[in-house]
Amino acid sequence: MNNKTRNMKTTTCYQHLLIIFSIIVIVSCVCAVKQASAQAEPAATAIGEIKPLKIGDKVPDELWDQYFPVVSTANDQTQMLSFGDYKDKLIILDFWATWCAPCISSLGKLDTLQKEFADDLVIIPTSYEPEEKVRKFFKEKGLQLPTAFEETLLKKYFPYRSIPHQVWIKDGKVLAIPETAYTNRVNIQKAIKDIPVMLSEKKQVDFDSSKPLLIDGNGGGEDRLLFQSVITKRINTNTAGVVPVNEKGVLFYNGSVFDLFGEAYSDITGYSRKKIINELPDSLTQLLDYGDRKLIGDYELDQEYLKWLDEHTFCYNLYSRINLGKGTIYRVMKNDLNDYFSAAFGIQAIVEERTMECLVLEKIGSTDRLLSKGAKSRYKYEKDHTHLVNKNMGMLTGVLNTIDPNRILLNHTNIDKNIDMDFPHALVNNLEKSNEFLKGYGLRITEKKLPIEMVVIKEINK
C-alpha cells in the first residue's frame, strides 16, 4: 500500500468518525434540551393542560425555554430554535401547510419581510407536516425562512380554526392575532418602534366542517342564521301541532308522515285527511301511520307505542330572516318532505285528479240569516255545538266536514262574506238531519261524484 492510498483511507476514516461524532452530539443536545425543558415545565403546564393565550397575555417562561426543530434551505441540517433567543425582537408565528394556497402566498411575503427587518424581526413558520415534506416544499419554493415541522405544542398555546394563522409577540406578550393582510411593512415598522398599531383581529369560532352548521354553536350562534329548513325526529314533548305559516316560515312538530304532507299540501287538502289517498302497501302504512296505536295506561305495553312515536313521527321547521311569502314556504316544504321521505322510505306525495264520492254544500234559498251581524270574530268548540261568529265559509266547511268521516265536503255556495252559526254536534253522521238544520240558513248538502284534486301518497315508481 502506497502513502497516497494510506492517506486517502485515513482521511475517509476520519470523516466517518467526524460524522458519527456529530450525530452523537446533535442527539445528545436534543435529548438534553428535551430533558431540561421537561424538568423546567411545571405540572400545571403539561401538554393537556396548557391555557391558550390571548392578546395581551404574557408568554409563560416555559415557552421561552422551549426548543423546536426547524429546517431551512440555507442549511441541510435540522437545527434547534429557542424562543428565548429572540425575546428582544418582534416575533411573528405563522401556522401554515403545504396544501394551503393562501399560506403559500403569505410565506413569500414573509420571506421578503424577514430579510428587510432582519435585525428587529424573527418570523417563525410552523407546520404540523413531516420534516421531509416541509423541507422539499421550501426548497422548491426557494424560501429562506427556517420552519418548524411536526409541530403540535404551539397550537395548544395559540389554537386556530383555519390557516394561515399568525401571532405577533412583542415585549414578552401577545401583541396581536391579526388577519394576514395586516402583516406588512408599515405595521411591522410601527410594532418594532412601539408605535400603537391598529390591526384587525382574526375572527375565530368553533367550527367542525363535518357537522351541521350552528348545532351546539358550530360556526356561530343563531344570529348567523339567514335561512334553513330542517326535518327532525320527534321532540320530547307530549304535544303535537303546527305554528301557522307566516311570511318567514312554518313549524310543524310531532306528526306522522301523513300529517306533514297534509300540512305541506294544505292548498289541496284544506287540512283534511280525507283529501289524502294512501296507496302505500300495508307494511309501509303500518310503519308510518298511527293506525290503532295510542296510550292505554299500561306502562309495559305503552313502551312499544312510545318507541314508534320516537322513530316515526317527525318535525319540520322552515325559518327565514327575510319574508319569503307563503307560496315559497309551502313549495320548499313540499320539496323537502318529498326529497327526504323518498330517500328514507321510498315514498312520495303527488297531486292527482281523482273521481271521488263527495258531499257538496250548495245554496237553495236566501242566506240572510247566515250572514254575520258583524260582532267580534270568534270560534269556540263547546260540549254540544261549535260556535262561529264573523268567520269565513272556510271555517264552516271545516265544521261540516265532520258530518261524514269518509267523504269530502266541498263548498259550492260562492258565499264570500263572513257568517254566524251554531252547529249542533248531534247532527254529525246524520246527513238528513243536518240538511233539515241547514235549510233554515238557505243551505243544503247533496251527494255527488266529482273529479277533484287529491294528494296521493305512494311508493316511488309504483
Protein backbone atom coordinates (compact mmCIF):
# COMPACT_ATOMS: atom_id res chain seq x y z
CA MET A 1 0.00 0.00 0.00
CA ASN A 2 1.46 3.38 -1.02
CA ASN A 3 1.37 6.54 1.08
CA LYS A 4 -1.26 8.15 -1.11
CA THR A 5 -3.66 5.22 -0.64
CA ARG A 6 -2.93 5.12 3.10
CA ASN A 7 -3.65 8.88 3.39
CA MET A 8 -6.90 8.55 1.47
CA LYS A 9 -8.12 5.75 3.77
CA THR A 10 -7.06 7.68 6.83
CA THR A 11 -8.97 10.76 5.62
CA THR A 12 -12.09 8.68 4.85
CA CYS A 13 -11.99 7.02 8.26
CA TYR A 14 -11.59 10.41 9.93
CA GLN A 15 -14.60 11.79 8.02
CA HIS A 16 -16.73 8.81 9.08
CA LEU A 17 -15.72 9.28 12.71
CA LEU A 18 -16.46 13.01 12.48
CA ILE A 19 -19.95 12.33 11.09
CA ILE A 20 -20.68 9.77 13.81
CA PHE A 21 -19.41 12.15 16.49
CA SER A 22 -21.57 14.98 15.08
CA ILE A 23 -24.67 12.79 15.13
CA ILE A 24 -23.97 11.79 18.73
CA VAL A 25 -23.52 15.44 19.74
CA ILE A 26 -26.75 16.51 17.99
CA VAL A 27 -28.76 13.66 19.51
CA SER A 28 -27.27 14.39 22.94
CA CYS A 29 -28.13 18.08 22.61
CA VAL A 30 -31.70 17.33 21.56
CA CYS A 31 -32.14 14.88 24.44
CA ALA A 32 -30.60 17.34 26.88
CA VAL A 33 -32.83 20.15 25.66
CA LYS A 34 -35.95 17.96 25.90
CA GLN A 35 -34.94 16.77 29.36
CA ALA A 36 -34.20 20.31 30.55
CA SER A 37 -37.48 21.54 29.09
CA ALA A 38 -39.42 18.74 30.76
CA GLN A 39 -37.75 19.46 34.07
CA ALA A 40 -38.35 23.20 33.83
CA GLU A 41 -42.02 22.81 32.89
CA PRO A 42 -44.30 22.82 35.95
CA ALA A 43 -47.11 20.29 36.27
CA ALA A 44 -49.75 22.95 35.58
CA THR A 45 -48.44 23.39 32.02
CA ALA A 46 -48.50 19.76 30.95
CA ILE A 47 -49.48 19.35 27.31
CA GLY A 48 -53.09 18.53 28.07
CA GLU A 49 -53.46 21.43 30.49
CA ILE A 50 -51.98 24.33 28.55
CA LYS A 51 -54.02 27.50 28.76
CA PRO A 52 -54.46 29.14 25.33
CA LEU A 53 -53.00 32.64 25.13
CA LYS A 54 -55.00 35.69 24.10
CA ILE A 55 -54.00 39.18 23.00
CA GLY A 56 -52.34 40.94 25.95
CA ASP A 57 -51.40 37.71 27.74
CA LYS A 58 -47.85 37.24 28.98
CA VAL A 59 -45.94 34.43 27.27
CA PRO A 60 -45.10 31.88 30.01
CA ASP A 61 -41.48 31.18 30.90
CA GLU A 62 -41.68 27.54 29.85
CA LEU A 63 -42.48 28.59 26.28
CA TRP A 64 -39.43 30.88 26.14
CA ASP A 65 -37.30 27.95 27.24
CA GLN A 66 -38.83 25.56 24.69
CA TYR A 67 -36.74 24.34 21.74
CA PHE A 68 -38.24 23.50 18.34
CA PRO A 69 -36.60 21.58 15.48
CA VAL A 70 -36.52 23.61 12.26
CA VAL A 71 -35.34 23.12 8.70
CA SER A 72 -34.15 25.68 6.17
CA THR A 73 -32.92 25.68 2.60
CA ALA A 74 -29.91 27.63 3.86
CA ASN A 75 -28.75 24.62 5.84
CA ASP A 76 -29.32 20.92 5.17
CA GLN A 77 -29.11 20.15 8.88
CA THR A 78 -32.05 20.01 11.26
CA GLN A 79 -31.48 22.78 13.81
CA MET A 80 -32.95 23.60 17.20
CA LEU A 81 -34.59 27.00 17.64
CA SER A 82 -35.35 28.59 21.02
CA PHE A 83 -37.94 31.32 21.56
CA GLY A 84 -35.72 32.77 24.25
CA ASP A 85 -33.03 33.67 21.71
CA TYR A 86 -35.42 36.21 20.15
CA LYS A 87 -37.08 37.63 23.24
CA ASP A 88 -35.95 41.18 22.43
CA LYS A 89 -37.40 41.10 18.89
CA LEU A 90 -40.81 41.20 17.31
CA ILE A 91 -41.75 37.52 16.82
CA ILE A 92 -44.31 36.50 14.22
CA LEU A 93 -45.51 32.92 14.30
CA ASP A 94 -47.03 31.75 11.03
CA PHE A 95 -49.02 28.50 11.09
CA TRP A 96 -49.12 27.00 7.58
CA ALA A 97 -49.36 23.80 5.49
CA THR A 98 -48.17 22.76 2.04
CA TRP A 99 -51.74 22.29 0.75
CA CYS A 100 -52.90 25.80 1.76
CA ALA A 101 -52.79 28.26 -1.17
CA PRO A 102 -53.16 31.42 0.97
CA CYS A 103 -50.35 30.11 3.20
CA ILE A 104 -48.04 29.74 0.21
CA SER A 105 -48.77 33.28 -0.93
CA SER A 106 -48.19 34.59 2.58
CA LEU A 107 -44.88 32.74 3.01
CA GLY A 108 -43.37 34.53 0.02
CA LYS A 109 -44.26 37.91 1.55
CA LEU A 110 -42.92 36.85 4.97
CA ASP A 111 -39.65 35.71 3.44
CA THR A 112 -39.14 39.21 1.99
CA LEU A 113 -40.12 40.97 5.23
CA GLN A 114 -37.70 38.86 7.24
CA LYS A 115 -34.79 39.93 5.05
CA GLU A 116 -35.82 43.58 5.29
CA PHE A 117 -36.17 43.63 9.09
CA ALA A 118 -33.50 41.04 9.94
CA ASP A 119 -32.21 42.97 12.99
CA ASP A 120 -35.55 43.51 14.73
CA LEU A 121 -37.87 40.76 13.50
CA VAL A 122 -37.96 36.98 13.54
CA ILE A 123 -40.62 35.14 11.58
CA ILE A 124 -41.13 31.50 12.50
CA PRO A 125 -43.33 29.48 10.14
CA THR A 126 -44.64 26.34 11.80
CA SER A 127 -46.28 23.29 10.23
CA TYR A 128 -47.71 20.05 11.58
CA GLU A 129 -46.47 18.22 8.48
CA PRO A 130 -43.40 15.89 8.40
CA GLU A 131 -39.85 17.14 8.01
CA GLU A 132 -39.08 15.83 4.53
CA LYS A 133 -42.32 17.17 3.07
CA VAL A 134 -41.69 20.61 4.57
CA ARG A 135 -38.01 20.68 3.59
CA LYS A 136 -38.78 19.68 -0.01
CA PHE A 137 -41.56 22.26 -0.26
CA PHE A 138 -39.39 25.15 0.97
CA LYS A 139 -36.60 24.12 -1.40
CA GLU A 140 -38.97 24.04 -4.39
CA LYS A 141 -40.34 27.48 -3.50
CA GLY A 142 -36.89 28.96 -2.80
CA LEU A 143 -37.91 30.15 0.70
CA GLN A 144 -35.07 31.06 3.06
CA LEU A 145 -37.03 31.16 6.34
CA PRO A 146 -36.46 28.36 8.83
CA THR A 147 -39.69 26.49 9.51
CA ALA A 148 -40.76 24.23 12.34
CA PHE A 149 -42.21 20.86 11.36
CA GLU A 150 -44.33 18.15 13.01
CA GLU A 151 -45.21 20.90 15.49
CA THR A 152 -48.20 20.50 17.84
CA LEU A 153 -47.22 22.31 21.03
CA LEU A 154 -47.54 25.87 19.71
CA LYS A 155 -51.07 25.20 18.50
CA LYS A 156 -52.03 24.44 22.10
CA TYR A 157 -50.84 27.88 23.16
CA PHE A 158 -52.29 29.58 20.06
CA PRO A 159 -55.26 27.48 18.86
CA TYR A 160 -56.70 28.22 15.45
CA ARG A 161 -59.52 27.04 13.20
CA SER A 162 -58.06 27.98 9.84
CA ILE A 163 -54.71 28.74 8.26
CA PRO A 164 -52.74 30.82 7.59
CA HIS A 165 -52.83 31.90 11.21
CA GLN A 166 -50.36 34.47 12.56
CA VAL A 167 -49.46 35.54 16.09
CA TRP A 168 -47.37 38.61 16.93
CA ILE A 169 -45.32 38.55 20.15
CA LYS A 170 -43.56 41.66 21.47
CA ASP A 171 -42.01 42.53 24.84
CA GLY A 172 -42.96 39.19 26.30
CA LYS A 173 -46.67 39.48 25.47
CA VAL A 174 -49.08 38.51 22.72
CA LEU A 175 -49.33 41.75 20.76
CA ALA A 176 -51.79 40.70 18.06
CA ILE A 177 -53.50 37.80 16.29
CA PRO A 178 -54.29 39.65 13.06
CA GLU A 179 -55.63 38.86 9.64
CA THR A 180 -52.61 38.09 7.45
CA ALA A 181 -53.23 41.17 5.28
CA TYR A 182 -52.06 43.30 8.24
CA THR A 183 -48.62 41.68 8.28
CA ASN A 184 -46.98 44.32 6.11
CA ARG A 185 -44.02 46.69 6.12
CA VAL A 186 -45.85 49.67 7.65
CA ASN A 187 -47.38 47.76 10.56
CA ILE A 188 -44.15 45.88 11.33
CA GLN A 189 -42.21 49.15 11.45
CA LYS A 190 -44.71 50.59 13.93
CA ALA A 191 -44.62 47.49 16.12
CA ILE A 192 -40.83 47.45 16.19
CA LYS A 193 -40.78 51.12 17.23
CA ASP A 194 -43.50 50.57 19.85
CA ILE A 195 -45.88 52.83 17.94
CA PRO A 196 -49.52 51.81 18.54
CA VAL A 197 -50.79 49.93 15.51
CA MET A 198 -54.39 49.09 14.66
CA LEU A 199 -54.72 45.50 13.46
CA SER A 200 -57.99 43.76 12.63
CA GLU A 201 -58.12 40.68 14.82
CA LYS A 202 -58.70 37.37 13.08
CA LYS A 203 -62.17 36.15 13.97
CA GLN A 204 -62.33 32.56 15.13
CA VAL A 205 -65.30 30.43 16.10
CA ASP A 206 -65.64 26.78 16.95
CA PHE A 207 -66.21 25.10 13.61
CA ASP A 208 -66.22 21.47 12.54
CA SER A 209 -66.91 21.10 8.82
CA SER A 210 -68.08 17.51 9.35
CA LYS A 211 -71.03 18.66 11.49
CA PRO A 212 -74.14 20.74 10.71
CA LEU A 213 -73.71 24.50 10.95
CA LEU A 214 -74.80 26.26 14.15
CA ILE A 215 -75.61 23.00 16.00
CA ASP A 216 -74.14 23.44 19.50
CA GLY A 217 -72.55 26.69 18.32
CA ASN A 218 -70.74 25.07 15.39
CA GLY A 219 -69.72 28.08 13.29
CA GLY A 220 -71.50 30.61 15.47
CA GLY A 221 -74.84 31.27 17.09
CA GLU A 222 -78.36 31.80 15.84
CA ASP A 223 -77.52 35.40 14.96
CA ARG A 224 -75.70 34.00 11.90
CA LEU A 225 -78.77 32.17 10.64
CA LEU A 226 -80.39 33.57 7.48
CA PHE A 227 -82.42 30.64 6.16
CA GLN A 228 -82.83 26.98 6.98
CA SER A 229 -85.25 24.13 6.63
CA VAL A 230 -84.88 21.01 8.77
CA ILE A 231 -86.61 17.69 9.36
CA THR A 232 -86.00 16.24 12.81
CA LYS A 233 -87.05 13.36 14.95
CA ARG A 234 -89.85 13.90 17.41
CA ILE A 235 -89.14 16.44 20.13
CA ASN A 236 -89.59 15.15 23.65
CA THR A 237 -92.98 16.60 24.48
CA ASN A 238 -96.40 15.02 24.69
CA THR A 239 -97.95 17.57 22.36
CA ALA A 240 -98.13 17.91 18.60
CA GLY A 241 -99.22 20.73 16.37
CA VAL A 242 -98.36 23.46 13.93
CA VAL A 243 -97.31 27.08 14.27
CA PRO A 244 -99.22 28.56 11.32
CA VAL A 245 -97.29 29.66 8.27
CA ASN A 246 -96.28 33.30 8.23
CA GLU A 247 -94.12 35.19 5.76
CA LYS A 248 -90.91 33.86 7.34
CA GLY A 249 -91.60 30.20 7.97
CA VAL A 250 -93.56 27.35 9.48
CA LEU A 251 -93.12 24.87 12.32
CA PHE A 252 -94.91 21.52 12.37
CA TYR A 253 -93.98 19.26 15.26
CA ASN A 254 -94.51 15.65 16.30
CA GLY A 255 -96.63 14.49 13.38
CA SER A 256 -96.74 11.41 11.18
CA VAL A 257 -95.66 11.43 7.55
CA PHE A 258 -99.33 11.81 6.59
CA ASP A 259 -99.75 14.77 8.96
CA LEU A 260 -96.71 16.51 7.49
CA PHE A 261 -97.81 16.00 3.88
CA GLY A 262 -101.29 17.18 4.84
CA GLU A 263 -99.82 20.46 6.07
CA ALA A 264 -97.48 20.90 3.10
CA TYR A 265 -100.32 20.33 0.63
CA SER A 266 -102.93 22.25 2.62
CA ASP A 267 -103.75 24.23 -0.53
CA ILE A 268 -105.23 20.93 -1.79
CA THR A 269 -106.26 19.14 1.40
CA GLY A 270 -107.73 22.11 3.27
CA TYR A 271 -106.04 20.44 6.30
CA SER A 272 -108.40 17.43 5.89
CA ARG A 273 -107.05 13.89 5.91
CA LYS A 274 -109.97 12.99 3.66
CA LYS A 275 -108.19 14.51 0.69
CA ILE A 276 -105.15 12.30 1.15
CA ILE A 277 -105.20 8.94 -0.62
CA ASN A 278 -102.89 6.35 0.87
CA GLU A 279 -101.63 3.94 -1.79
CA LEU A 280 -98.78 2.55 0.26
CA PRO A 281 -98.53 -1.19 0.87
CA ASP A 282 -99.79 -2.38 4.23
CA SER A 283 -96.25 -2.85 5.56
CA LEU A 284 -95.39 0.81 5.00
CA THR A 285 -98.76 2.02 6.25
CA GLN A 286 -98.30 0.09 9.49
CA LEU A 287 -94.82 1.55 9.81
CA LEU A 288 -95.73 5.19 9.14
CA ASP A 289 -99.34 5.72 10.25
CA TYR A 290 -100.82 5.77 13.73
CA GLY A 291 -103.48 3.19 12.95
CA ASP A 292 -104.90 1.98 16.27
CA ARG A 293 -101.83 2.99 18.24
CA LYS A 294 -102.42 5.03 21.38
CA LEU A 295 -101.52 5.21 25.06
CA ILE A 296 -103.57 2.74 27.06
CA GLY A 297 -102.19 3.41 30.55
CA ASP A 298 -100.20 0.17 30.88
CA TYR A 299 -96.53 1.04 31.28
CA GLU A 300 -95.10 -2.12 29.72
CA LEU A 301 -97.49 -2.17 26.78
CA ASP A 302 -97.12 1.56 26.16
CA GLN A 303 -93.36 1.28 25.60
CA GLU A 304 -93.85 -0.09 22.09
CA TYR A 305 -96.12 2.82 21.18
CA LEU A 306 -93.72 5.39 22.65
CA LYS A 307 -90.86 3.82 20.69
CA TRP A 308 -92.91 4.06 17.50
CA LEU A 309 -93.62 7.73 18.21
CA ASP A 310 -89.92 8.45 18.64
CA GLU A 311 -88.96 6.69 15.42
CA HIS A 312 -91.85 7.51 13.10
CA THR A 313 -93.17 10.94 13.99
CA PHE A 314 -91.27 13.99 12.85
CA CYS A 315 -90.89 17.75 12.99
CA TYR A 316 -90.45 20.17 10.11
CA ASN A 317 -89.23 23.72 10.53
CA LEU A 318 -88.52 26.36 7.90
CA TYR A 319 -87.13 29.69 9.02
CA SER A 320 -86.05 32.73 7.03
CA ARG A 321 -84.64 36.03 8.25
CA ILE A 322 -86.45 37.77 5.39
CA ASN A 323 -90.01 37.46 4.13
CA LEU A 324 -90.41 34.64 1.61
CA GLY A 325 -94.17 34.54 1.17
CA LYS A 326 -96.45 31.60 1.95
CA GLY A 327 -96.27 30.26 -1.59
CA THR A 328 -92.49 29.89 -1.43
CA ILE A 329 -92.62 28.40 2.06
CA TYR A 330 -95.10 25.68 1.05
CA ARG A 331 -93.17 24.95 -2.15
CA VAL A 332 -89.94 24.45 -0.18
CA MET A 333 -91.75 22.33 2.42
CA LYS A 334 -93.21 20.03 -0.26
CA ASN A 335 -89.82 19.57 -1.91
CA ASP A 336 -88.07 18.94 1.41
CA LEU A 337 -90.57 16.31 2.53
CA ASN A 338 -90.55 14.51 -0.81
CA ASP A 339 -86.75 14.59 -1.01
CA TYR A 340 -86.26 13.21 2.48
CA PHE A 341 -89.07 10.64 2.69
CA SER A 342 -88.31 9.31 -0.78
CA ALA A 343 -84.77 8.61 0.39
CA ALA A 344 -85.78 7.36 3.85
CA PHE A 345 -88.82 5.23 3.00
CA GLY A 346 -89.15 5.24 -0.79
CA ILE A 347 -92.40 7.23 -0.79
CA GLN A 348 -93.63 10.48 -2.31
CA ALA A 349 -96.69 12.69 -2.40
CA ILE A 350 -98.16 13.82 -5.72
CA VAL A 351 -101.28 15.72 -6.71
CA GLU A 352 -103.66 13.83 -8.99
CA GLU A 353 -107.22 14.35 -10.14
CA ARG A 354 -109.47 11.50 -8.99
CA THR A 355 -113.24 10.98 -9.26
CA MET A 356 -114.48 10.84 -5.68
CA GLU A 357 -117.80 10.44 -3.84
CA CYS A 358 -118.32 13.84 -2.24
CA LEU A 359 -120.70 15.93 -0.21
CA VAL A 360 -121.39 19.31 -1.79
CA LEU A 361 -122.65 22.36 0.15
CA GLU A 362 -124.95 24.48 -2.03
CA LYS A 363 -127.33 27.45 -1.74
CA ILE A 364 -131.02 26.65 -2.02
CA GLY A 365 -132.52 29.94 -0.93
CA SER A 366 -131.89 33.16 1.00
CA THR A 367 -128.78 33.14 3.17
CA ASP A 368 -129.53 36.38 5.00
CA ARG A 369 -129.82 34.54 8.33
CA LEU A 370 -126.37 33.05 7.76
CA LEU A 371 -124.55 36.31 7.08
CA SER A 372 -122.62 37.77 10.03
CA LYS A 373 -124.06 40.60 12.10
CA GLY A 374 -120.54 41.99 12.47
CA ALA A 375 -119.77 41.03 16.08
CA LYS A 376 -116.20 40.37 17.22
CA SER A 377 -114.79 37.38 15.34
CA ARG A 378 -114.53 34.19 17.39
CA TYR A 379 -114.54 30.41 17.12
CA LYS A 380 -115.42 28.19 20.04
CA TYR A 381 -115.82 24.43 20.24
CA GLU A 382 -118.19 23.66 23.09
CA LYS A 383 -119.64 20.47 24.51
CA ASP A 384 -122.72 20.23 22.32
CA HIS A 385 -122.06 22.68 19.49
CA THR A 386 -119.45 24.66 17.58
CA HIS A 387 -119.90 28.42 17.82
CA LEU A 388 -118.90 30.54 14.80
CA VAL A 389 -119.12 34.33 14.88
CA ASN A 390 -117.99 36.53 12.00
CA LYS A 391 -115.98 33.71 10.37
CA ASN A 392 -115.47 32.88 6.70
CA MET A 393 -117.11 29.99 4.85
CA GLY A 394 -113.93 28.01 5.04
CA MET A 395 -114.40 27.69 8.80
CA LEU A 396 -117.97 26.47 8.29
CA THR A 397 -116.85 23.97 5.67
CA GLY A 398 -114.34 22.60 8.18
CA VAL A 399 -117.09 22.15 10.77
CA LEU A 400 -119.49 20.49 8.31
CA ASN A 401 -116.74 18.14 7.17
CA THR A 402 -117.35 16.20 10.38
CA ILE A 403 -120.81 15.11 9.17
CA ASP A 404 -119.35 12.16 7.25
CA PRO A 405 -115.98 10.69 8.33
CA ASN A 406 -115.21 9.25 4.90
CA ARG A 407 -116.49 11.70 2.28
CA ILE A 408 -115.09 15.12 1.44
CA LEU A 409 -117.34 18.14 1.76
CA LEU A 410 -116.92 20.83 -0.90
CA ASN A 411 -118.18 24.40 -0.64
CA HIS A 412 -120.03 25.39 -3.84
CA THR A 413 -122.02 28.26 -2.34
CA ASN A 414 -119.85 31.08 -3.71
CA ILE A 415 -120.52 33.00 -0.48
CA ASP A 416 -117.59 35.35 0.11
CA LYS A 417 -118.92 37.14 3.20
CA ASN A 418 -118.39 36.17 6.84
CA ILE A 419 -121.07 34.15 8.59
CA ASP A 420 -122.51 33.33 12.03
CA MET A 421 -123.66 29.82 13.02
CA ASP A 422 -124.00 27.44 15.96
CA PHE A 423 -123.75 23.91 14.56
CA PRO A 424 -125.08 21.13 16.88
CA HIS A 425 -122.73 18.18 17.32
CA ALA A 426 -125.73 15.85 17.46
CA LEU A 427 -126.03 16.23 13.67
CA VAL A 428 -122.68 14.60 12.99
CA ASN A 429 -123.03 11.37 10.97
CA ASN A 430 -126.63 12.22 10.08
CA LEU A 431 -126.93 13.84 6.66
CA GLU A 432 -130.72 14.02 6.67
CA LYS A 433 -130.96 15.89 10.00
CA SER A 434 -128.05 18.11 9.03
CA ASN A 435 -129.92 19.19 5.92
CA GLU A 436 -133.03 19.96 7.98
CA PHE A 437 -130.91 22.25 10.16
CA LEU A 438 -129.06 23.90 7.24
CA LYS A 439 -132.30 24.56 5.35
CA GLY A 440 -133.04 27.37 7.80
CA TYR A 441 -129.83 29.09 6.57
CA GLY A 442 -130.62 28.60 2.87
CA LEU A 443 -128.14 25.72 2.51
CA ARG A 444 -128.20 22.04 1.61
CA ILE A 445 -125.68 19.20 1.33
CA THR A 446 -126.01 16.88 -1.67
CA GLU A 447 -124.18 13.67 -2.60
CA LYS A 448 -122.22 13.69 -5.85
CA LYS A 449 -119.31 12.04 -7.69
CA LEU A 450 -116.87 14.68 -8.86
CA PRO A 451 -113.32 14.83 -10.26
CA ILE A 452 -111.24 16.64 -7.64
CA GLU A 453 -107.55 17.13 -6.90
CA MET A 454 -106.24 14.71 -4.29
CA VAL A 455 -102.88 14.25 -2.59
CA VAL A 456 -101.76 10.70 -3.29
CA ILE A 457 -99.03 9.14 -1.17
CA LYS A 458 -97.43 6.20 -2.92
CA GLU A 459 -94.22 4.28 -3.32
CA ILE A 460 -91.78 5.75 -5.85
CA ASN A 461 -92.29 4.32 -9.36
CA LYS A 462 -95.27 2.27 -8.19
